[in-house]
Protein backbone atom coordinates (compact mmCIF):
# COMPACT_ATOMS: atom_id res chain seq x y z
CA MET A 1 190.69 -109.96 25.62
CA PRO A 2 192.65 -111.14 28.55
CA LYS A 3 194.00 -108.46 30.95
CA ILE A 4 197.95 -109.04 31.32
CA PRO A 5 200.95 -107.23 32.75
CA VAL A 6 201.77 -104.62 29.75
CA MET A 7 205.62 -106.09 29.86
CA GLN A 8 204.41 -109.65 29.48
CA ALA A 9 202.66 -108.35 26.13
CA VAL A 10 206.09 -106.60 25.13
CA VAL A 11 208.10 -110.11 25.77
CA GLU A 12 205.42 -111.65 23.57
CA VAL A 13 206.06 -108.97 21.06
CA LEU A 14 209.94 -109.43 21.15
CA LYS A 15 209.56 -113.58 20.65
CA SER A 16 207.23 -113.10 17.75
CA GLU A 17 209.52 -110.64 16.07
CA GLY A 18 212.28 -113.59 16.27
CA ILE A 19 214.23 -112.02 19.29
CA ASP A 20 215.72 -115.07 21.32
CA THR A 21 218.63 -113.17 22.66
CA VAL A 22 218.75 -109.49 24.11
CA PHE A 23 221.98 -107.86 25.77
CA GLY A 24 221.62 -105.42 28.69
CA CYS A 25 222.27 -104.29 31.97
CA PRO A 26 219.34 -104.24 34.62
CA GLY A 27 218.56 -101.31 36.87
CA ALA A 28 215.53 -99.99 39.06
CA ALA A 29 213.79 -98.15 36.25
CA ILE A 30 213.49 -101.29 33.94
CA LEU A 31 212.95 -104.01 36.31
CA PRO A 32 209.18 -104.73 35.39
CA LEU A 33 210.68 -105.91 32.01
CA TYR A 34 213.10 -108.11 33.34
CA LYS A 35 210.60 -109.53 35.78
CA ALA A 36 208.34 -110.40 32.60
CA MET A 37 211.48 -112.06 30.86
CA GLU A 38 212.31 -114.05 33.98
CA GLN A 39 208.81 -115.07 34.31
CA ASP A 40 208.85 -116.18 30.48
CA GLY A 41 212.09 -117.74 30.44
CA SER A 42 212.68 -118.14 26.66
CA ILE A 43 214.98 -115.05 25.83
CA GLU A 44 218.42 -115.31 26.80
CA HIS A 45 219.82 -112.30 28.43
CA LEU A 46 223.59 -111.37 28.65
CA ILE A 47 224.77 -108.83 31.43
CA VAL A 48 227.10 -106.74 29.97
CA ARG A 49 229.54 -104.27 31.98
CA HIS A 50 228.65 -101.26 29.87
CA GLU A 51 225.51 -100.09 28.12
CA GLU A 52 227.53 -99.43 24.97
CA GLY A 53 228.78 -102.84 25.01
CA ALA A 54 225.12 -104.01 24.93
CA THR A 55 224.44 -101.79 21.79
CA HIS A 56 227.74 -103.14 19.93
CA MET A 57 226.56 -106.67 20.86
CA ALA A 58 222.94 -106.04 19.30
CA ASP A 59 224.78 -104.61 16.53
CA GLY A 60 226.79 -107.69 15.61
CA TRP A 61 223.83 -110.02 16.34
CA SER A 62 221.99 -108.04 13.82
CA ARG A 63 224.70 -107.71 11.03
CA THR A 64 224.85 -111.55 11.16
CA THR A 65 221.32 -112.53 11.32
CA GLY A 66 219.70 -109.65 9.53
CA ASN A 67 217.22 -109.18 12.19
CA VAL A 68 216.82 -106.53 14.73
CA GLY A 69 219.09 -106.68 17.82
CA VAL A 70 217.91 -105.58 21.07
CA ALA A 71 220.03 -103.71 23.89
CA ILE A 72 218.36 -102.94 27.33
CA GLY A 73 219.13 -100.28 30.02
CA THR A 74 217.85 -98.45 32.99
CA SER A 75 217.28 -94.83 33.09
CA GLY A 76 219.58 -91.79 32.81
CA PRO A 77 223.23 -92.71 32.10
CA ALA A 78 222.28 -95.99 30.73
CA GLY A 79 220.69 -94.37 27.75
CA THR A 80 223.32 -91.77 27.27
CA ASN A 81 225.85 -94.84 27.47
CA MET A 82 223.91 -96.24 24.48
CA ILE A 83 224.40 -93.00 22.29
CA THR A 84 227.68 -94.17 20.36
CA GLY A 85 226.05 -97.69 19.70
CA LEU A 86 222.84 -95.98 18.17
CA TYR A 87 224.98 -93.65 15.98
CA THR A 88 227.11 -96.65 14.60
CA ALA A 89 223.90 -98.54 13.69
CA GLN A 90 222.47 -95.49 12.15
CA ALA A 91 225.75 -94.89 10.16
CA ASP A 92 225.75 -98.34 8.75
CA SER A 93 222.27 -99.21 8.53
CA VAL A 94 221.93 -101.60 11.06
CA PRO A 95 218.47 -102.37 12.76
CA ILE A 96 218.72 -102.43 16.45
CA LEU A 97 216.42 -101.56 19.37
CA CYS A 98 217.27 -99.85 22.50
CA ILE A 99 214.84 -100.09 25.35
CA THR A 100 215.49 -97.86 28.05
CA GLY A 101 213.91 -97.36 31.48
CA GLN A 102 212.58 -93.94 32.63
CA ALA A 103 211.62 -92.10 36.05
CA ALA A 104 207.82 -91.86 36.41
CA VAL A 105 205.68 -89.68 34.26
CA SER A 106 204.79 -87.49 37.23
CA LYS A 107 208.54 -87.00 37.89
CA LEU A 108 209.76 -85.92 34.47
CA HIS A 109 209.63 -82.52 34.97
CA GLN A 110 211.13 -82.64 38.46
CA GLU A 111 214.69 -83.44 37.63
CA ALA A 112 214.28 -86.92 39.47
CA PHE A 113 217.27 -89.38 40.09
CA GLN A 114 218.33 -90.38 36.50
CA ALA A 115 215.54 -88.73 34.69
CA VAL A 116 216.93 -87.86 31.23
CA ASP A 117 215.36 -86.55 28.16
CA ILE A 118 216.83 -89.59 26.28
CA VAL A 119 214.29 -89.28 23.33
CA SER A 120 215.45 -85.63 22.47
CA ILE A 121 219.15 -86.87 22.95
CA ALA A 122 218.85 -90.15 20.95
CA ALA A 123 216.69 -88.38 18.07
CA PRO A 124 219.53 -87.25 15.74
CA VAL A 125 220.94 -90.76 15.77
CA THR A 126 217.85 -92.94 15.45
CA LYS A 127 215.24 -93.62 12.87
CA TRP A 128 212.65 -93.13 15.59
CA ALA A 129 212.92 -92.27 19.29
CA VAL A 130 209.72 -92.36 21.45
CA GLN A 131 208.60 -92.42 24.94
CA VAL A 132 205.57 -94.48 25.85
CA LYS A 133 203.00 -92.83 28.59
CA GLU A 134 200.06 -94.88 27.83
CA ALA A 135 200.33 -98.67 28.48
CA ALA A 136 197.73 -99.52 25.92
CA GLN A 137 200.13 -98.14 23.13
CA MET A 138 203.06 -100.29 24.44
CA PRO A 139 202.66 -103.58 22.21
CA TRP A 140 201.84 -101.38 19.11
CA ILE A 141 204.61 -99.11 19.36
CA PHE A 142 207.06 -102.18 19.79
CA ARG A 143 205.66 -103.36 16.67
CA GLU A 144 206.05 -100.13 14.88
CA ALA A 145 209.60 -99.81 16.11
CA PHE A 146 210.50 -103.24 14.50
CA ARG A 147 208.73 -102.19 11.23
CA ILE A 148 210.49 -98.84 11.01
CA ALA A 149 213.97 -100.56 11.82
CA ARG A 150 213.51 -102.93 9.11
CA SER A 151 211.98 -100.73 6.48
CA GLY A 152 213.60 -98.78 3.79
CA ARG A 153 217.14 -98.09 4.90
CA PRO A 154 217.35 -100.09 8.20
CA GLY A 155 218.57 -98.35 11.49
CA PRO A 156 218.28 -98.10 14.93
CA VAL A 157 215.24 -96.92 17.17
CA LEU A 158 214.77 -96.54 21.01
CA ILE A 159 211.71 -96.73 23.13
CA ASP A 160 211.86 -95.19 26.44
CA LEU A 161 209.60 -96.73 29.24
CA PRO A 162 208.52 -94.63 32.32
CA ILE A 163 208.51 -97.14 35.36
CA ASP A 164 204.79 -96.42 36.15
CA VAL A 165 203.60 -97.17 32.62
CA GLN A 166 205.65 -100.47 32.71
CA LYS A 167 203.57 -101.57 36.06
CA GLN A 168 200.40 -101.40 34.32
CA GLU A 169 197.95 -103.97 32.85
CA ILE A 170 196.59 -104.12 29.40
CA GLU A 171 193.99 -106.05 27.28
CA TRP A 172 196.27 -108.16 24.96
CA ASP A 173 195.90 -111.45 23.21
CA SER A 174 199.26 -112.57 21.70
CA SER A 175 197.61 -115.48 19.75
CA ILE A 176 195.92 -113.11 17.45
CA ASP A 177 199.05 -110.70 16.79
CA GLU A 178 201.87 -110.81 14.48
CA PRO A 179 204.65 -108.21 13.14
CA LEU A 180 203.48 -105.51 10.76
CA PRO A 181 204.47 -106.07 7.11
CA VAL A 182 207.53 -104.22 5.89
CA PRO A 183 206.94 -103.10 2.18
CA LYS A 184 209.69 -103.45 -0.42
CA VAL A 185 210.39 -100.78 -2.75
CA VAL A 186 209.88 -101.78 -6.34
CA PRO A 187 211.86 -99.98 -9.09
CA SER A 188 210.43 -98.25 -11.77
CA ASP A 189 210.15 -100.24 -15.05
CA ALA A 190 211.19 -97.16 -17.20
CA ARG A 191 214.24 -96.55 -15.03
CA VAL A 192 215.37 -100.22 -14.96
CA GLU A 193 215.02 -100.14 -18.78
CA ARG A 194 217.21 -97.00 -19.09
CA ALA A 195 219.82 -98.53 -16.69
CA LEU A 196 219.99 -101.65 -18.89
CA GLU A 197 220.56 -99.45 -21.89
CA MET A 198 223.47 -97.38 -20.35
CA LEU A 199 225.11 -100.74 -19.06
CA LEU A 200 224.97 -102.11 -22.74
CA ALA A 201 226.16 -98.93 -24.32
CA ALA A 202 229.10 -98.85 -22.06
CA GLU A 203 232.56 -100.40 -23.01
CA ARG A 204 234.08 -100.66 -19.62
CA PRO A 205 231.24 -100.84 -17.08
CA LEU A 206 231.57 -101.74 -13.36
CA LEU A 207 229.00 -102.81 -10.88
CA LEU A 208 229.74 -101.21 -7.28
CA ALA A 209 228.33 -103.38 -4.40
CA GLY A 210 227.54 -101.17 -1.31
CA GLY A 211 226.18 -102.41 2.00
CA GLY A 212 222.63 -102.07 0.73
CA VAL A 213 223.62 -105.44 -1.36
CA ILE A 214 224.28 -107.30 1.81
CA LEU A 215 221.34 -105.85 3.65
CA GLY A 216 219.06 -106.46 0.93
CA GLU A 217 220.05 -109.99 0.50
CA ALA A 218 221.01 -109.42 -2.94
CA SER A 219 224.69 -111.11 -3.22
CA ALA A 220 223.28 -113.79 -5.54
CA GLU A 221 221.40 -111.73 -7.81
CA LEU A 222 224.24 -109.48 -8.26
CA LEU A 223 226.44 -112.43 -9.11
CA ASP A 224 223.90 -113.72 -11.51
CA LEU A 225 223.66 -110.30 -13.33
CA ALA A 226 227.41 -110.18 -13.50
CA GLU A 227 228.10 -113.29 -14.97
CA PHE A 228 225.36 -112.96 -17.55
CA LEU A 229 226.45 -109.79 -18.65
CA GLN A 230 230.14 -110.26 -18.03
CA ILE A 231 230.49 -107.20 -16.08
CA PRO A 232 233.14 -107.15 -13.16
CA ILE A 233 232.21 -106.28 -9.81
CA GLN A 234 233.78 -103.89 -7.13
CA ALA A 235 232.89 -103.65 -3.43
CA THR A 236 232.94 -100.75 -1.06
CA LEU A 237 233.90 -101.46 2.43
CA MET A 238 230.61 -101.95 3.63
CA GLY A 239 229.95 -104.16 0.63
CA LYS A 240 232.96 -106.35 1.43
CA GLY A 241 231.69 -109.85 1.25
CA ALA A 242 228.91 -109.43 -1.29
CA ILE A 243 231.16 -111.16 -3.69
CA ASP A 244 233.72 -113.87 -3.21
CA GLU A 245 237.14 -112.04 -3.65
CA ASP A 246 238.59 -115.18 -5.43
CA HIS A 247 235.86 -114.92 -8.24
CA PRO A 248 237.31 -113.97 -11.57
CA LEU A 249 234.86 -111.19 -11.95
CA TYR A 250 235.94 -109.47 -8.59
CA ALA A 251 237.88 -106.39 -9.77
CA GLY A 252 238.74 -104.94 -5.82
CA MET A 253 237.88 -101.99 -3.79
CA THR A 254 238.21 -98.41 -4.84
CA GLY A 255 239.29 -95.80 -2.05
CA ILE A 256 241.99 -93.80 -0.61
CA GLN A 257 242.25 -95.97 2.42
CA THR A 258 240.77 -99.64 2.29
CA SER A 259 241.39 -100.21 -1.43
CA GLN A 260 243.49 -102.31 -3.74
CA ARG A 261 245.92 -101.06 -6.12
CA TYR A 262 244.13 -102.78 -8.94
CA GLY A 263 240.74 -101.57 -7.52
CA ASN A 264 241.82 -98.26 -8.01
CA ALA A 265 243.31 -99.01 -11.29
CA SER A 266 240.20 -100.66 -12.81
CA PHE A 267 237.84 -97.78 -11.49
CA LEU A 268 240.17 -95.27 -13.15
CA GLU A 269 239.51 -97.06 -16.42
CA SER A 270 236.08 -97.58 -16.29
CA ASP A 271 233.44 -95.41 -18.20
CA LEU A 272 230.20 -96.35 -16.10
CA VAL A 273 229.44 -97.27 -12.69
CA LEU A 274 226.30 -98.75 -11.61
CA ALA A 275 226.42 -98.36 -7.77
CA LEU A 276 224.07 -100.34 -5.67
CA GLY A 277 223.11 -99.60 -2.05
CA ALA A 278 226.43 -97.24 -1.81
CA ARG A 279 226.54 -94.00 -0.28
CA PHE A 280 229.76 -92.73 -1.88
CA GLY A 281 231.45 -92.10 1.59
CA ASP A 282 234.70 -89.93 1.53
CA ARG A 283 237.07 -92.76 2.24
CA HIS A 284 235.82 -94.44 -0.82
CA THR A 285 235.61 -91.35 -3.14
CA GLY A 286 238.54 -89.42 -2.08
CA ASP A 287 238.97 -86.32 -4.32
CA LEU A 288 235.50 -86.28 -6.30
CA ALA A 289 236.77 -84.63 -9.40
CA THR A 290 238.95 -87.73 -9.77
CA TYR A 291 236.55 -89.98 -8.72
CA ARG A 292 233.62 -88.70 -11.23
CA GLY A 293 235.88 -88.03 -14.13
CA ASP A 294 234.09 -88.66 -17.38
CA ARG A 295 232.42 -91.71 -16.27
CA LYS A 296 228.79 -92.04 -15.84
CA PHE A 297 226.99 -92.83 -12.76
CA ILE A 298 223.90 -94.81 -12.12
CA HIS A 299 222.89 -94.95 -8.60
CA VAL A 300 220.40 -97.52 -6.96
CA ASP A 301 219.23 -97.03 -3.39
CA VAL A 302 216.40 -97.86 -1.30
CA GLU A 303 216.53 -94.35 0.51
CA PRO A 304 215.45 -91.51 -1.75
CA THR A 305 217.44 -88.86 -0.31
CA GLN A 306 220.79 -90.86 -0.54
CA ILE A 307 220.47 -90.29 -4.17
CA GLY A 308 222.29 -86.97 -5.15
CA LYS A 309 223.63 -86.52 -1.39
CA VAL A 310 227.38 -86.67 -2.41
CA PHE A 311 226.82 -85.86 -6.28
CA GLY A 312 224.01 -86.07 -8.75
CA PRO A 313 224.19 -89.30 -10.77
CA ASP A 314 223.25 -89.63 -14.40
CA LEU A 315 220.58 -92.01 -13.38
CA GLY A 316 219.02 -92.36 -9.85
CA ILE A 317 216.94 -95.15 -9.03
CA VAL A 318 214.82 -95.65 -5.97
CA ALA A 319 214.34 -99.49 -5.18
CA ASP A 320 215.12 -102.17 -3.03
CA THR A 321 218.59 -103.98 -4.39
CA LYS A 322 217.32 -107.41 -4.73
CA LEU A 323 214.24 -106.57 -6.53
CA PHE A 324 216.14 -104.01 -8.91
CA LEU A 325 218.69 -106.59 -9.83
CA GLN A 326 216.14 -109.33 -10.63
CA ALA A 327 213.89 -106.73 -13.12
CA LEU A 328 217.51 -105.88 -14.61
CA LEU A 329 218.62 -109.45 -15.20
CA GLU A 330 214.94 -110.43 -16.56
CA LYS A 331 215.35 -107.42 -19.07
CA ALA A 332 219.02 -108.42 -19.87
CA LYS A 333 218.09 -112.09 -20.44
CA ALA A 334 215.20 -110.82 -23.03
CA ARG A 335 217.93 -109.34 -25.34
CA GLY A 336 220.56 -112.30 -24.86
CA PRO A 337 223.89 -112.62 -23.06
CA ARG A 338 226.60 -110.19 -23.38
CA VAL A 339 230.08 -111.84 -24.62
CA ALA A 340 232.94 -111.53 -22.21
CA GLY A 341 235.46 -109.10 -23.86
CA GLU A 342 238.81 -107.21 -23.36
CA TRP A 343 237.32 -105.11 -20.51
CA VAL A 344 236.90 -108.39 -18.27
CA ASP A 345 240.43 -109.66 -19.33
CA ARG A 346 241.82 -106.03 -18.65
CA CYS A 347 240.48 -105.96 -14.94
CA GLN A 348 241.85 -109.63 -14.42
CA GLU A 349 245.22 -108.53 -15.64
CA LEU A 350 245.32 -105.52 -13.43
CA LYS A 351 244.09 -107.80 -10.47
CA ARG A 352 247.18 -110.03 -11.59
CA THR A 353 249.82 -107.58 -11.91
CA LEU A 354 248.92 -104.94 -9.41
CA PRO A 355 248.98 -106.53 -5.98
CA ARG A 356 250.45 -105.43 -2.70
CA ARG A 357 253.43 -107.27 -0.84
CA GLU A 358 252.48 -109.36 1.87
CA ASP A 359 255.54 -112.17 2.39
CA PHE A 360 257.74 -109.99 4.61
CA GLU A 361 259.93 -112.05 6.96
CA THR A 362 261.34 -109.27 8.77
CA VAL A 363 261.27 -108.51 12.69
CA PRO A 364 259.30 -106.42 13.99
CA VAL A 365 256.57 -108.16 12.15
CA LYS A 366 255.19 -106.14 9.20
CA ALA A 367 251.10 -105.97 9.33
CA PRO A 368 250.57 -107.28 5.75
CA ARG A 369 252.28 -110.44 6.87
CA VAL A 370 249.46 -110.88 9.56
CA PHE A 371 246.80 -110.74 6.94
CA LYS A 372 248.65 -113.21 4.58
CA GLU A 373 248.58 -115.59 7.52
CA ILE A 374 244.79 -114.83 8.40
CA ASN A 375 243.98 -115.57 4.83
CA GLU A 376 245.75 -118.94 4.71
CA PHE A 377 244.56 -120.13 7.73
CA TYR A 378 240.86 -119.28 8.08
CA GLY A 379 238.17 -120.58 6.01
CA PRO A 380 235.33 -119.02 4.07
CA ASP A 381 232.99 -119.50 6.63
CA THR A 382 234.78 -117.60 9.45
CA TYR A 383 233.08 -114.57 10.64
CA PHE A 384 235.45 -111.51 11.21
CA VAL A 385 234.96 -108.09 12.96
CA THR A 386 237.11 -105.16 12.88
CA ALA A 387 236.77 -101.37 14.16
CA ILE A 388 238.67 -98.49 13.27
CA GLY A 389 242.49 -97.81 13.07
CA LEU A 390 245.49 -98.71 10.76
CA TYR A 391 244.45 -102.29 11.29
CA GLN A 392 241.20 -102.03 9.84
CA ILE A 393 242.75 -100.18 6.73
CA TRP A 394 245.26 -103.04 6.46
CA SER A 395 242.50 -105.33 6.82
CA GLY A 396 240.47 -103.89 3.92
CA GLN A 397 243.40 -103.75 1.79
CA HIS A 398 244.78 -107.31 2.46
CA GLN A 399 242.14 -109.48 3.89
CA LYS A 400 239.82 -111.33 1.52
CA ALA A 401 235.97 -111.90 2.24
CA HIS A 402 234.22 -114.46 0.59
CA LYS A 403 230.49 -114.36 1.99
CA PRO A 404 227.96 -111.72 2.78
CA ARG A 405 227.53 -110.87 6.58
CA HIS A 406 230.92 -112.72 7.12
CA TYR A 407 233.11 -109.64 7.04
CA GLN A 408 231.75 -106.90 9.45
CA VAL A 409 233.15 -103.44 10.15
CA CYS A 410 232.03 -100.27 11.64
CA GLY A 411 232.45 -98.29 8.59
CA GLN A 412 231.23 -94.68 9.01
CA ALA A 413 231.28 -94.04 12.78
CA GLY A 414 234.41 -95.86 13.66
CA PRO A 415 234.12 -96.40 17.48
CA LEU A 416 237.05 -97.50 19.15
CA GLY A 417 236.11 -100.97 21.33
CA TRP A 418 233.45 -102.26 18.90
CA GLU A 419 235.25 -105.69 18.30
CA ILE A 420 235.06 -107.47 21.36
CA PRO A 421 231.18 -106.83 22.05
CA ALA A 422 230.43 -107.06 18.30
CA ALA A 423 232.24 -110.49 18.51
CA ILE A 424 230.03 -111.68 21.13
CA GLY A 425 226.81 -110.60 19.51
CA VAL A 426 228.14 -112.51 16.25
CA LYS A 427 228.97 -115.62 18.23
CA LYS A 428 225.57 -115.61 20.24
CA ALA A 429 223.82 -115.32 16.61
CA ARG A 430 225.92 -118.19 15.18
CA PRO A 431 227.07 -120.38 17.97
CA ASP A 432 228.63 -123.06 15.78
CA ALA A 433 230.71 -120.48 13.57
CA GLU A 434 234.25 -119.58 14.01
CA VAL A 435 234.52 -115.76 15.10
CA VAL A 436 237.55 -113.60 14.80
CA GLY A 437 237.97 -110.03 15.91
CA ILE A 438 240.89 -107.95 14.26
CA VAL A 439 241.93 -105.24 16.86
CA GLY A 440 244.28 -102.58 17.64
CA ASP A 441 245.98 -102.30 20.93
CA TYR A 442 244.33 -99.07 21.70
CA SER A 443 240.92 -100.15 20.60
CA PHE A 444 241.17 -103.37 22.87
CA GLN A 445 241.07 -101.21 25.75
CA PHE A 446 238.03 -99.21 25.01
CA LEU A 447 235.23 -101.86 26.07
CA VAL A 448 237.83 -104.67 27.38
CA GLU A 449 235.60 -105.00 30.35
CA GLU A 450 233.15 -107.13 27.97
CA LEU A 451 235.68 -109.95 27.82
CA ALA A 452 233.78 -110.75 31.35
CA VAL A 453 230.62 -111.31 29.38
CA GLY A 454 232.63 -113.75 27.02
CA ALA A 455 234.08 -115.61 29.90
CA GLN A 456 231.00 -115.63 32.14
CA TYR A 457 228.53 -116.85 29.23
CA ASP A 458 230.91 -119.07 27.68
CA VAL A 459 231.27 -117.23 24.43
CA PRO A 460 234.42 -118.38 22.71
CA PHE A 461 236.23 -116.36 19.78
CA VAL A 462 239.71 -115.35 18.97
CA LEU A 463 241.09 -111.81 18.87
CA ILE A 464 243.99 -111.03 16.68
CA MET A 465 245.73 -108.13 17.88
CA LEU A 466 248.03 -105.72 15.69
CA ASN A 467 250.07 -103.95 18.64
CA ASN A 468 252.29 -101.20 17.44
CA GLU A 469 251.95 -99.33 21.18
CA TYR A 470 250.68 -96.16 19.09
CA LEU A 471 247.48 -94.50 18.09
CA GLY A 472 248.66 -95.72 14.77
CA LEU A 473 246.41 -94.08 12.35
CA ILE A 474 246.51 -90.49 14.15
CA ARG A 475 250.59 -91.07 14.30
CA MET A 476 250.62 -91.32 10.58
CA ALA A 477 247.99 -88.49 10.18
CA GLU A 478 250.21 -86.42 12.29
CA ASP A 479 253.70 -87.53 10.79
CA HIS A 480 252.69 -87.77 7.16
CA GLY A 481 249.49 -85.38 6.84
CA GLY A 482 251.21 -81.96 7.09
CA TYR A 483 251.57 -81.42 10.69
CA ASP A 484 255.15 -82.80 11.18
CA MET A 485 254.59 -84.13 14.48
CA LYS A 486 254.06 -87.22 16.64
CA TYR A 487 252.32 -85.38 19.48
CA GLU A 488 250.49 -87.46 22.21
CA VAL A 489 249.96 -90.66 20.29
CA ASP A 490 252.76 -92.96 21.69
CA ILE A 491 251.27 -95.15 24.32
CA HIS A 492 254.47 -97.25 24.82
CA TYR A 493 255.88 -97.43 28.47
CA ASP A 494 258.04 -99.93 30.42
CA THR A 495 259.03 -102.82 28.18
CA SER A 496 256.17 -103.29 25.84
CA GLY A 497 253.13 -101.01 27.42
CA SER A 498 250.06 -102.87 28.73
CA ASP A 499 250.28 -106.55 29.25
CA ASN A 500 247.48 -107.68 27.13
CA VAL A 501 247.98 -111.41 27.78
CA LYS A 502 247.84 -110.73 31.66
CA ILE A 503 244.32 -108.43 31.00
CA MET A 504 243.10 -111.60 29.28
CA GLU A 505 244.13 -113.69 32.08
CA ALA A 506 242.60 -111.24 34.74
CA TYR A 507 239.35 -111.90 32.95
CA GLY A 508 239.65 -115.83 32.97
CA CYS A 509 240.60 -115.78 29.37
CA SER A 510 243.87 -116.71 27.44
CA GLY A 511 246.46 -115.17 25.20
CA VAL A 512 249.87 -115.53 23.73
CA ARG A 513 252.36 -112.82 22.44
CA VAL A 514 253.98 -113.19 19.14
CA ALA A 515 256.99 -111.19 18.05
CA ASP A 516 258.34 -113.26 14.91
CA PRO A 517 256.33 -113.83 11.83
CA SER A 518 257.41 -117.63 11.87
CA GLU A 519 255.36 -117.68 14.83
CA ILE A 520 252.00 -116.59 13.73
CA ARG A 521 250.47 -119.63 12.24
CA GLY A 522 251.44 -121.96 15.03
CA SER A 523 249.74 -119.23 17.36
CA LEU A 524 246.62 -119.05 15.33
CA GLU A 525 246.31 -122.93 15.46
CA TRP A 526 246.70 -122.78 19.32
CA ALA A 527 244.02 -120.20 19.65
CA ARG A 528 241.73 -122.12 17.75
CA LYS A 529 242.16 -125.08 20.12
CA GLU A 530 242.12 -122.67 23.23
CA ALA A 531 238.95 -121.26 22.56
CA ASP A 532 237.18 -124.52 21.73
CA ARG A 533 238.89 -126.04 24.93
CA THR A 534 237.98 -122.94 27.20
CA SER A 535 234.72 -121.56 25.51
CA ARG A 536 235.93 -118.30 26.41
CA PRO A 537 237.49 -115.38 24.32
CA VAL A 538 241.37 -115.97 23.36
CA LEU A 539 243.97 -113.43 22.25
CA VAL A 540 246.84 -113.71 19.70
CA GLU A 541 248.64 -110.43 20.28
CA ILE A 542 251.25 -109.78 17.37
CA MET A 543 253.93 -107.17 17.89
CA ILE A 544 254.26 -105.32 14.63
CA GLU A 545 256.68 -102.67 13.69
CA ARG A 546 255.88 -99.45 15.46
CA GLU A 547 255.56 -96.92 12.61
CA GLY A 548 254.40 -99.08 9.87
CA ASN A 549 252.00 -96.92 7.49
CA THR A 550 249.07 -97.91 5.15
CA ALA A 551 248.80 -96.95 1.53
CA ASN A 552 246.82 -93.49 1.42
CA GLY A 553 246.07 -90.64 -0.30
CA THR A 554 243.53 -87.58 -1.20
CA SER A 555 243.00 -89.00 -4.57
CA ILE A 556 242.25 -92.67 -5.87
CA ALA A 557 244.74 -91.76 -8.82
CA ALA A 558 247.55 -90.55 -6.41
CA MET A 559 248.25 -93.18 -3.70
CA LYS A 560 251.44 -93.32 -1.71
CA GLU A 561 252.69 -96.70 -1.22
CA PHE A 562 254.91 -96.99 1.95
CA GLU A 563 256.03 -100.66 1.42
CA PRO A 564 257.99 -102.06 -1.35
CA LEU A 565 255.82 -103.42 -4.07
CA PRO A 566 256.17 -106.81 -5.65
């Protein structure tokens, strides 16, 4: 075996795992890795302005490609800055790898400069956090990290590298090395048979597509089964895009925030739900007694401990979603197709008769009008990212998704500031695609410095800001959630608060402010051309009514609608 620098072996491993782009910030304790990347020259590196930004870029890249995104930082605060990104990835089952530098092994017990026990800190928000103390283990630990990140329920891992270990040489031959296999969880044949019997016995069944359908690349199989058995499909927020929302079998989203009226209505009329890769999050279920009702549940998930975590289903099945749907369809075809009946017609009727209004002409702009313009202007191949707040809820309620991985949202953790770095990650993964971030005025400024990354590396995308000069979601919770206050949520000052267009310009980017609904379409057209012209991020800031509210409730049967209905 040839003897090579250990970090050269790490770079070879990264390349063979399909990594061509990484996001990070160099520091003294991680420079051997940077030296190896410089000498190799085939992995593109983007210098971030904050290590949390690196994790969210890796996150967006991973959600788009399905591969493991990579973020790199030095020791101490670099690692602690990554914790929010690790938590976000863990919550949404996104495989990313964080690599941190560390003080020399001999200094770890001496409170050396920027020496922190990042492995212990990261353990609760990773699938695996490990420190490498033997150089010969390095490539094997990286291989295992990729295997763990991809296997079962995907998620984040962290590898901590002491500086003295990084400087050693090892025996390694990349020509005879390859990624470790990731086994697929095959469903039990008897449980697949039982699931089919329950589906065929139900009069009003629904298929519920969670994020596991998208992560498991099972959207085509889901649609094949639904069309063959003529069963309507709903999606959770993380499953949005698993089915084209214009498809006649799409029956909406159920929930107490990101939901459609017709989605809640069809769910309440159902008698059986086959949930695929869904975790029954509280924003989806609301009051559990109402959500469960008298209907039966079949829960399919690749992670055994997800089954029964929120409530015990009538049938639990541990399986890869794609393999389960393939097995179920094969058994269904052996029995013959199911004729479309009254239930499909009923779901289509609810979809037709229970929309929410979007055609508002008033000034200031009402948020639903923004999403009407977005739906009409952008095509099905556009990639969207959005984070947390009223704008995310309006997006979930009004914005259409058409393809898997094209609608990305940080669903469980909900970190403000996610959109800008995530959009950079998406655009680096799909350079020829149109990428759009839906952002609030408050979230925009959490990681606004990452605009510099988009400008420096010519990463064009469009940001559509809904600006109400409030912490809107918290204002609504204070005002309508029983607190009867609007305390410390108003961020208005001077004329219109922060001049976000000037902020864009300070980073060498462009922006425009919109105050009238008639100006939205033209501004979107301008932004598309400007992003192409400049190869940089572009902002369309839309001033919406300050105290607009999203439909919400504590139960899917008792939603409060704040806007007039059609």
